[in-house]
N, C-alpha and C. Protein backbone atom coordinates (compact mmCIF):
# COMPACT_ATOMS: atom_id res chain seq x y z
N UNK A 1 14.47 -8.81 -6.78
CA UNK A 1 14.05 -7.76 -6.85
C UNK A 1 15.00 -6.74 -5.70
N UNK A 2 15.96 -7.68 -5.19
CA UNK A 2 16.66 -7.45 -3.81
C UNK A 2 17.83 -6.41 -4.86
N UNK A 3 18.27 -7.14 -5.90
CA UNK A 3 19.08 -6.51 -6.61
C UNK A 3 18.60 -5.26 -7.12
N UNK A 4 17.80 -4.91 -7.30
CA UNK A 4 17.26 -3.56 -8.40
C UNK A 4 17.27 -2.53 -7.06
N UNK A 5 16.71 -2.97 -6.32
CA UNK A 5 16.91 -2.20 -4.80
C UNK A 5 17.99 -1.43 -4.72
N UNK A 6 19.08 -2.87 -4.65
CA UNK A 6 20.11 -2.47 -4.35
C UNK A 6 21.34 -1.31 -5.10
N UNK A 7 20.81 -1.83 -6.86
CA UNK A 7 20.80 -0.70 -7.93
C UNK A 7 20.58 0.75 -7.76
N UNK A 8 19.09 0.74 -7.30
CA UNK A 8 18.72 2.20 -6.61
C UNK A 8 19.50 2.68 -5.47
N UNK A 9 19.79 1.90 -4.58
CA UNK A 9 20.26 2.79 -3.39
C UNK A 9 21.82 3.24 -3.83
N UNK A 10 22.69 2.54 -4.65
CA UNK A 10 23.71 2.67 -5.00
C UNK A 10 23.84 3.97 -5.82
N UNK A 11 22.94 4.05 -7.18
CA UNK A 11 22.78 5.54 -8.00
C UNK A 11 22.15 6.51 -6.64
N UNK A 12 21.17 6.07 -5.79
CA UNK A 12 20.79 7.51 -5.08
C UNK A 12 21.92 8.37 -3.77
N UNK A 13 22.87 7.00 -3.34
CA UNK A 13 23.39 7.18 -2.52
C UNK A 13 24.38 8.14 -3.47
N UNK A 14 24.97 7.75 -4.62
CA UNK A 14 26.14 8.60 -5.42
C UNK A 14 25.48 10.00 -5.29
N UNK A 15 24.42 10.10 -6.07
CA UNK A 15 23.76 11.20 -6.28
C UNK A 15 23.83 12.02 -5.22
N UNK A 16 23.57 11.61 -3.69
CA UNK A 16 23.77 12.50 -2.61
C UNK A 16 24.80 12.83 -2.46
N UNK A 17 25.89 12.76 -2.76
CA UNK A 17 27.25 12.88 -2.97
C UNK A 17 27.40 14.14 -4.37
N UNK A 18 26.96 13.45 -5.03
CA UNK A 18 27.27 14.83 -6.12
C UNK A 18 26.97 15.80 -6.71
N UNK A 19 25.69 16.27 -6.46
CA UNK A 19 24.72 17.10 -6.17
C UNK A 19 25.09 18.06 -5.39
N UNK A 20 25.14 17.91 -3.84
CA UNK A 20 25.50 18.77 -2.79
C UNK A 20 26.85 19.36 -3.18
N UNK A 21 28.06 18.42 -3.64
CA UNK A 21 29.21 18.87 -3.94
C UNK A 21 29.05 20.11 -5.24
N UNK A 22 28.01 19.47 -5.88
CA UNK A 22 28.00 20.34 -7.12
C UNK A 22 27.26 21.65 -6.81
N UNK A 23 26.40 21.43 -5.64
CA UNK A 23 25.52 23.02 -5.52
C UNK A 23 26.44 23.87 -4.46
N UNK A 24 27.38 23.35 -3.27
CA UNK A 24 28.56 23.38 -2.71
C UNK A 24 29.28 24.76 -3.83
N UNK A 25 29.83 23.87 -4.99
CA UNK A 25 30.71 24.29 -6.07
C UNK A 25 30.29 25.97 -6.65
N UNK A 26 29.01 25.81 -6.83
CA UNK A 26 28.09 26.86 -7.50
C UNK A 26 28.12 28.09 -6.59
N UNK A 27 27.98 27.73 -4.99
CA UNK A 27 27.82 28.46 -4.06
C UNK A 27 29.29 29.56 -4.74
N UNK A 28 30.39 28.66 -4.27
CA UNK A 28 31.74 29.11 -3.94
C UNK A 28 32.24 29.72 -5.36
N UNK A 29 31.38 28.96 -6.12
CA UNK A 29 32.30 29.71 -7.72
C UNK A 29 31.17 30.86 -8.08
N UNK A 30 29.75 31.47 -7.31
CA UNK A 30 29.34 32.17 -7.14
C UNK A 30 29.92 33.94 -6.63
N UNK A 31 30.27 33.19 -5.55
CA UNK A 31 30.89 33.83 -4.37
C UNK A 31 32.10 34.32 -5.08
N UNK A 32 32.98 33.86 -5.55
CA UNK A 32 34.32 34.11 -6.35
C UNK A 32 33.58 35.03 -7.67
N UNK A 33 32.93 35.48 -8.36
CA UNK A 33 32.07 36.01 -9.86
C UNK A 33 31.79 37.19 -9.07
N UNK A 34 31.09 37.36 -7.81
CA UNK A 34 30.84 38.47 -7.07
C UNK A 34 32.01 39.21 -6.94
N UNK A 35 33.22 38.44 -6.41
CA UNK A 35 34.28 39.44 -6.49
C UNK A 35 34.77 39.71 -7.07
N UNK A 36 35.15 39.41 -8.36
CA UNK A 36 35.23 38.95 -9.67
C UNK A 36 34.57 40.53 -10.50
N UNK A 37 33.33 40.47 -9.87
CA UNK A 37 32.49 41.92 -10.49
C UNK A 37 33.10 43.30 -9.66
N UNK A 38 33.10 43.27 -8.73
CA UNK A 38 33.35 44.19 -8.03
C UNK A 38 35.28 44.66 -8.26
N UNK A 39 35.21 44.45 -8.88
CA UNK A 39 36.82 45.06 -9.93
C UNK A 39 37.70 44.87 -8.72
N UNK A 40 38.00 43.95 -8.49
CA UNK A 40 39.22 43.81 -7.63
C UNK A 40 39.81 42.65 -7.75
N UNK A 41 41.13 43.61 -7.92
CA UNK A 41 42.13 42.88 -8.68
C UNK A 41 42.75 41.73 -8.13
N UNK A 42 42.59 41.17 -9.20
CA UNK A 42 42.89 39.59 -8.82
C UNK A 42 44.75 39.01 -9.31
N UNK A 43 44.97 40.13 -9.95
CA UNK A 43 46.63 39.51 -11.01
C UNK A 43 47.66 39.28 -9.19
N UNK A 44 47.50 40.32 -8.41
CA UNK A 44 48.52 39.71 -7.64
C UNK A 44 48.22 38.65 -6.81
N UNK A 45 47.41 38.02 -6.94
CA UNK A 45 46.87 36.91 -6.23
C UNK A 45 46.36 35.56 -6.90
N UNK A 46 47.86 34.65 -6.87
CA UNK A 46 47.44 33.41 -7.66
C UNK A 46 45.56 32.79 -7.89
N UNK A 47 44.96 32.07 -9.21
CA UNK A 47 44.01 31.81 -8.43
C UNK A 47 44.25 30.09 -7.78
N UNK A 48 43.44 29.34 -7.40
CA UNK A 48 43.28 28.08 -6.74
C UNK A 48 42.97 27.17 -7.45
N UNK A 49 43.78 26.11 -7.60
CA UNK A 49 43.86 25.49 -8.34
C UNK A 49 42.48 24.60 -8.38
N UNK A 50 41.74 24.12 -9.58
CA UNK A 50 41.15 23.11 -9.62
C UNK A 50 41.33 21.69 -8.76
N UNK A 51 42.27 21.23 -8.92
CA UNK A 51 42.60 19.81 -8.33
C UNK A 51 42.23 19.66 -6.00
N UNK A 52 42.59 21.07 -6.44
CA UNK A 52 41.83 21.25 -4.33
C UNK A 52 40.66 20.45 -4.42
N UNK A 53 39.82 20.41 -5.23
CA UNK A 53 38.51 20.45 -4.61
C UNK A 53 38.69 18.20 -4.77
N UNK A 54 39.69 17.97 -4.78
CA UNK A 54 39.80 16.85 -4.55
C UNK A 54 39.57 16.61 -3.23
N UNK A 55 40.13 17.60 -2.29
CA UNK A 55 39.84 17.64 -0.61
C UNK A 55 39.46 19.08 -0.26
N UNK A 56 37.89 18.60 -0.43
CA UNK A 56 37.10 20.04 -0.35
C UNK A 56 36.80 21.17 0.54
N UNK A 57 37.42 20.37 1.90
CA UNK A 57 38.11 21.47 2.86
C UNK A 57 39.04 21.93 2.85
N UNK A 58 39.55 21.85 2.16
CA UNK A 58 41.61 22.37 1.82
C UNK A 58 41.28 23.45 0.91
N UNK A 59 40.37 22.80 -0.34
CA UNK A 59 40.19 24.28 -1.49
C UNK A 59 38.70 25.65 -0.86
N UNK A 60 37.89 24.96 0.36
CA UNK A 60 37.26 26.35 0.62
C UNK A 60 38.58 27.48 1.65
N UNK A 61 39.25 26.40 2.25
CA UNK A 61 40.35 26.66 3.38
C UNK A 61 40.81 27.75 2.09
N UNK A 62 41.46 27.60 1.33
CA UNK A 62 42.39 28.09 0.11
C UNK A 62 41.60 29.58 0.04
N UNK A 63 40.42 28.96 -0.78
CA UNK A 63 39.66 30.30 -1.38
C UNK A 63 38.93 31.25 -0.47
N UNK A 64 38.82 30.69 0.67
CA UNK A 64 38.57 31.69 1.65
C UNK A 64 39.63 33.15 2.15
N UNK A 65 41.06 32.06 2.54
CA UNK A 65 42.00 33.11 2.50
C UNK A 65 42.36 33.81 1.46
N UNK A 66 41.81 33.29 -0.09
CA UNK A 66 42.23 33.84 -1.11
C UNK A 66 41.37 35.18 -1.32
N UNK A 67 40.27 34.94 -0.97
CA UNK A 67 38.98 36.23 -1.07
C UNK A 67 39.39 36.99 0.34
N UNK A 68 39.63 36.62 1.33
CA UNK A 68 40.25 37.90 2.30
C UNK A 68 40.91 38.58 2.09
N UNK A 69 41.97 38.27 1.44
CA UNK A 69 43.18 39.28 1.10
C UNK A 69 42.46 39.87 0.36
N UNK A 70 42.40 39.63 -0.75
CA UNK A 70 41.15 40.53 -1.97
C UNK A 70 40.23 41.35 -1.19
N UNK A 71 39.50 40.82 -0.38
CA UNK A 71 38.75 41.90 0.34
C UNK A 71 39.31 42.94 1.12
N UNK A 72 40.58 42.51 1.57
CA UNK A 72 40.86 43.56 2.20
C UNK A 72 41.46 44.76 1.72
N UNK A 73 42.14 44.45 0.31
CA UNK A 73 42.67 45.24 -0.45
C UNK A 73 42.00 46.35 -1.00
N UNK A 74 40.83 46.11 -0.89
CA UNK A 74 39.61 46.61 -1.60
C UNK A 74 38.71 47.78 -0.33
N UNK A 75 39.05 47.29 0.66
CA UNK A 75 38.10 47.98 2.02
C UNK A 75 36.61 48.06 1.90
N UNK A 76 36.42 46.60 2.10
CA UNK A 76 34.91 45.83 1.62
C UNK A 76 34.47 46.87 3.04
N UNK A 77 32.99 46.95 2.53
CA UNK A 77 32.07 47.15 4.13
C UNK A 77 32.03 45.96 4.87
N UNK A 78 31.15 46.17 5.97
CA UNK A 78 30.86 45.42 6.77
C UNK A 78 29.81 44.51 6.26
N UNK A 79 28.95 45.28 5.72
CA UNK A 79 27.38 44.57 4.42
C UNK A 79 28.55 43.55 3.77
N UNK A 80 28.79 43.91 3.11
CA UNK A 80 29.72 42.92 1.89
C UNK A 80 30.28 41.77 2.42
N UNK A 81 31.03 42.07 3.75
CA UNK A 81 31.82 41.12 4.24
C UNK A 81 30.68 40.06 4.49
N UNK A 82 29.66 40.63 5.15
CA UNK A 82 28.93 39.75 5.77
C UNK A 82 27.96 39.01 4.91
N UNK A 83 27.62 39.51 4.01
CA UNK A 83 27.63 38.08 2.40
C UNK A 83 28.05 37.84 2.04
N UNK A 84 29.13 38.27 2.03
CA UNK A 84 30.39 37.55 2.02
C UNK A 84 30.58 35.54 2.77
N UNK A 85 30.93 36.01 3.86
CA UNK A 85 30.83 35.67 4.54
C UNK A 85 29.46 34.16 5.05
N UNK A 86 28.68 34.98 4.81
CA UNK A 86 27.01 33.82 4.15
C UNK A 86 27.20 32.98 3.06
N UNK A 87 27.94 33.53 1.99
CA UNK A 87 28.20 32.52 0.44
C UNK A 87 28.77 31.49 1.40
N UNK A 88 29.89 31.78 1.60
CA UNK A 88 31.12 30.85 2.10
C UNK A 88 30.35 29.82 3.16
N UNK A 89 29.41 30.51 4.41
CA UNK A 89 29.31 29.13 5.34
C UNK A 89 27.83 28.30 4.24
N UNK A 90 27.56 28.72 3.42
CA UNK A 90 26.68 27.73 2.73
C UNK A 90 27.15 26.86 1.82
N UNK A 91 28.22 27.59 1.67
CA UNK A 91 29.24 26.82 0.47
C UNK A 91 29.68 25.43 1.52
N UNK A 92 30.09 25.98 2.94
CA UNK A 92 30.70 24.82 3.62
C UNK A 92 29.47 24.04 3.88
N UNK A 93 28.40 23.99 3.91
CA UNK A 93 27.03 23.73 4.55
C UNK A 93 27.06 22.31 3.59
N UNK A 94 27.15 22.77 2.09
CA UNK A 94 26.51 21.81 1.15
C UNK A 94 28.13 21.05 0.93
N UNK A 95 29.12 21.02 1.14
CA UNK A 95 30.14 20.68 0.98
C UNK A 95 30.63 19.09 2.13
N UNK A 96 29.55 19.57 3.48
CA UNK A 96 29.82 18.59 4.92
C UNK A 96 28.36 17.79 3.81
N UNK A 97 27.56 18.32 3.76
CA UNK A 97 26.21 17.28 2.93
C UNK A 97 27.16 16.35 1.95
N UNK A 98 27.62 17.08 1.44
CA UNK A 98 28.13 15.61 -0.25
C UNK A 98 29.24 14.77 0.74
N UNK A 99 30.31 15.84 1.81
CA UNK A 99 30.90 14.32 2.58
C UNK A 99 30.21 13.47 3.02
N UNK A 100 28.78 13.53 3.98
CA UNK A 100 27.62 12.28 4.19
C UNK A 100 27.48 11.67 3.70
N UNK A 101 27.07 11.96 2.03
CA UNK A 101 27.10 11.33 0.98
C UNK A 101 27.79 11.09 0.40
N UNK A 102 28.88 10.80 0.32
CA UNK A 102 30.31 10.20 -0.28
C UNK A 102 30.06 9.32 1.13
N UNK A 103 30.42 9.08 1.77
CA UNK A 103 30.79 8.41 3.04
C UNK A 103 29.12 6.99 3.03
N UNK A 104 28.43 7.68 2.67
CA UNK A 104 27.57 6.56 2.64
C UNK A 104 27.53 5.99 1.18
N UNK A 105 28.29 6.72 0.20
CA UNK A 105 27.95 6.05 -1.10
C UNK A 105 29.29 5.01 -1.06
N UNK A 106 29.96 5.13 -0.43
CA UNK A 106 30.83 4.52 -0.35
C UNK A 106 30.70 3.13 0.50
N UNK A 107 29.85 3.11 1.68
CA UNK A 107 29.41 1.82 2.57
C UNK A 107 28.22 0.47 1.02
N UNK A 108 27.51 1.78 0.77
CA UNK A 108 26.71 1.36 -0.01
C UNK A 108 27.09 0.38 -1.13
N UNK A 109 28.07 1.60 -2.03
CA UNK A 109 29.01 0.20 -3.29
C UNK A 109 29.57 -0.59 -2.88
N UNK A 110 30.25 -0.65 -1.50
CA UNK A 110 30.76 -2.14 -1.00
C UNK A 110 29.46 -3.20 -0.85
N UNK A 111 28.41 -2.47 -0.26
CA UNK A 111 27.41 -3.33 0.11
C UNK A 111 26.75 -4.18 -1.23
N UNK A 112 26.76 -3.28 -2.38
CA UNK A 112 25.99 -3.45 -3.19
C UNK A 112 26.88 -4.36 -4.12
N UNK A 113 28.40 -4.20 -4.19
CA UNK A 113 29.19 -5.41 -4.57
C UNK A 113 28.98 -6.57 -3.84
N UNK A 114 29.32 -6.83 -2.83
CA UNK A 114 28.89 -7.65 -1.55
C UNK A 114 27.83 -8.44 -2.16
N UNK A 115 26.34 -8.32 -2.31
CA UNK A 115 24.88 -8.53 -2.60
C UNK A 115 25.37 -9.10 -4.27
N UNK A 116 25.86 -8.49 -4.92
CA UNK A 116 26.39 -9.48 -6.41
C UNK A 116 27.16 -10.27 -6.29
N UNK A 117 27.77 -10.16 -5.57
CA UNK A 117 28.89 -11.56 -4.84
C UNK A 117 30.53 -11.03 -6.28
N UNK A 118 30.64 -9.40 -6.35
CA UNK A 118 31.69 -9.45 -6.68
C UNK A 118 32.37 -8.92 -5.81
N UNK A 119 33.75 -9.85 -6.05
CA UNK A 119 34.71 -9.57 -4.69
C UNK A 119 36.19 -8.55 -5.31
N UNK A 120 35.93 -7.41 -4.81
CA UNK A 120 37.52 -6.85 -4.75
C UNK A 120 38.31 -6.79 -4.32
N UNK A 121 39.37 -6.97 -4.04
CA UNK A 121 40.40 -6.90 -3.18
C UNK A 121 40.11 -5.45 -3.12
N UNK A 122 40.46 -4.81 -1.52
CA UNK A 122 40.87 -3.66 -1.09
C UNK A 122 41.28 -2.27 -2.11
N UNK A 123 42.36 -2.73 -2.48
CA UNK A 123 43.43 -1.74 -3.02
C UNK A 123 42.55 -1.24 -4.29
N UNK A 124 41.76 -2.57 -5.08
CA UNK A 124 40.55 -1.94 -6.43
C UNK A 124 39.61 -1.39 -5.91
N UNK A 125 39.16 -1.72 -4.82
CA UNK A 125 38.05 -1.20 -4.54
C UNK A 125 38.07 0.48 -3.83
N UNK A 126 38.92 0.97 -3.44
CA UNK A 126 39.36 1.88 -3.27
C UNK A 126 39.66 2.84 -4.92
N UNK A 127 40.48 1.99 -5.59
CA UNK A 127 40.65 2.63 -6.79
C UNK A 127 39.51 2.87 -7.38
N UNK A 128 38.88 2.32 -7.20
CA UNK A 128 37.33 2.28 -7.95
C UNK A 128 36.37 3.29 -7.20
N UNK A 129 36.65 3.38 -5.60
CA UNK A 129 35.84 4.86 -5.57
C UNK A 129 36.74 5.97 -5.79
N UNK A 130 37.85 6.25 -5.63
CA UNK A 130 38.72 7.28 -6.13
C UNK A 130 38.73 7.50 -7.51
N UNK A 131 38.28 6.85 -8.60
CA UNK A 131 37.99 7.18 -9.79
C UNK A 131 36.45 7.99 -9.97
N UNK A 132 35.45 7.20 -9.48
CA UNK A 132 34.51 7.35 -9.36
C UNK A 132 34.23 8.76 -8.75
N UNK A 133 34.96 9.56 -7.42
CA UNK A 133 35.69 10.91 -7.15
C UNK A 133 36.22 11.81 -7.99
N UNK A 134 37.05 11.24 -8.42
CA UNK A 134 37.91 12.18 -9.18
C UNK A 134 36.38 12.31 -10.95
N UNK A 135 36.09 11.79 -10.94
CA UNK A 135 35.29 11.99 -12.42
C UNK A 135 33.68 12.62 -11.81
N UNK A 136 33.59 12.77 -10.65
CA UNK A 136 32.69 13.67 -10.37
C UNK A 136 33.41 15.23 -10.26
N UNK A 137 34.68 15.15 -9.76
CA UNK A 137 34.94 16.17 -9.39
C UNK A 137 34.97 17.40 -10.87
N UNK A 138 35.74 16.53 -11.89
CA UNK A 138 35.75 17.00 -13.26
C UNK A 138 34.63 17.23 -14.05
N UNK A 139 33.51 16.20 -13.94
CA UNK A 139 32.19 16.92 -14.09
C UNK A 139 31.74 17.58 -13.45
N UNK A 140 31.72 18.14 -11.93
CA UNK A 140 31.16 19.27 -11.64
C UNK A 140 32.11 20.05 -11.92
N UNK A 141 33.36 20.35 -11.98
CA UNK A 141 34.27 21.37 -12.42
C UNK A 141 33.76 21.92 -13.78
N UNK A 142 33.69 21.18 -14.82
CA UNK A 142 32.78 20.92 -16.35
C UNK A 142 31.36 22.26 -16.07
N UNK A 143 30.68 21.50 -15.33
CA UNK A 143 29.39 21.91 -15.23
C UNK A 143 29.34 23.64 -14.74
N UNK A 144 30.88 23.90 -14.14
CA UNK A 144 30.28 25.41 -13.32
C UNK A 144 31.15 26.55 -14.60
N UNK A 145 31.78 25.64 -15.55
CA UNK A 145 32.90 26.39 -16.17
C UNK A 145 32.17 27.25 -17.12
N UNK A 146 32.67 28.67 -17.24
CA UNK A 146 31.72 29.53 -17.43
C UNK A 146 31.84 29.76 -18.72
N UNK A 147 32.84 29.20 -19.50
CA UNK A 147 33.04 28.85 -21.01
C UNK A 147 31.69 27.50 -21.56
N UNK A 148 31.58 26.81 -20.72
CA UNK A 148 30.18 25.88 -20.92
C UNK A 148 28.63 26.73 -21.30
N UNK A 149 28.55 27.68 -20.13
CA UNK A 149 27.67 28.37 -20.27
C UNK A 149 27.12 29.57 -21.46
N UNK A 150 28.63 29.60 -21.30
CA UNK A 150 28.77 30.62 -22.53
C UNK A 150 28.15 30.08 -24.09
N UNK A 151 28.94 28.67 -24.18
CA UNK A 151 28.56 27.91 -25.49
C UNK A 151 26.85 27.78 -26.02
N UNK A 152 26.26 27.43 -24.13
CA UNK A 152 25.06 26.64 -24.28
C UNK A 152 24.49 27.92 -24.64
N UNK A 153 24.59 29.23 -24.07
CA UNK A 153 23.73 30.69 -24.24
C UNK A 153 23.66 30.68 -25.67
N UNK A 154 25.31 30.70 -26.38
CA UNK A 154 25.33 30.93 -27.82
C UNK A 154 24.45 29.86 -28.61
N UNK A 155 24.26 28.64 -28.43
CA UNK A 155 23.05 28.00 -29.21
C UNK A 155 21.61 28.04 -28.56
N UNK A 156 21.10 28.64 -27.98
CA UNK A 156 20.21 28.62 -27.58
C UNK A 156 20.09 29.91 -28.31
N UNK A 157 20.98 31.02 -28.32
CA UNK A 157 20.60 32.05 -29.16
C UNK A 157 20.97 32.12 -30.51
N UNK A 158 21.43 31.54 -31.02
CA UNK A 158 21.36 30.92 -32.53
C UNK A 158 20.18 30.06 -33.02
N UNK A 159 20.06 29.20 -31.97
CA UNK A 159 18.86 28.52 -32.30
C UNK A 159 17.31 29.41 -32.55
N UNK A 160 17.20 30.37 -31.86
CA UNK A 160 16.29 31.46 -31.48
C UNK A 160 16.18 32.56 -33.13
N UNK A 161 17.46 32.77 -33.20
CA UNK A 161 17.89 33.26 -34.48
C UNK A 161 17.10 32.48 -35.90
N UNK A 162 17.40 31.33 -36.40
CA UNK A 162 16.97 30.43 -36.89
C UNK A 162 16.11 30.49 -37.14
N UNK A 163 14.92 30.79 -36.20
CA UNK A 163 14.19 30.41 -35.93
C UNK A 163 12.93 31.77 -36.57
N UNK A 164 13.63 32.72 -36.88
CA UNK A 164 13.18 34.08 -36.83
C UNK A 164 13.45 34.18 -38.37
């Protein structure tokens, strides 16, 4: 029974990292889309690489700087700036929740491995953690991808057309 509960705790701990991170990415993506909808010319500023998600505080900082530059080019109203800052604050909060989840997940992973008497050297343990984190970022980035959403919408619409 203890081993089963340890497995549940392990899964739960990683979910507490994965989905707040996903929510934070959604919040940030929503703000980016909002800026795009308002016809700000983005061609002058390069996009921030998805690889910065490996260190979320840096990604948020770079996106924030980029958005500020874009918004300043547009001469945005105070109301729009306040809304923008609200979204950034929500995204930042979700990333800190995800960070707490990550720290818990690392600890629980170690404890679960100990309980199952699986001994990993420290480099192998940290490699495992890094692989899980990278898989999480890749998965979450895939989930917020607009092309993925369009494919799903297309499938739903095609399915509806076939039923008519």
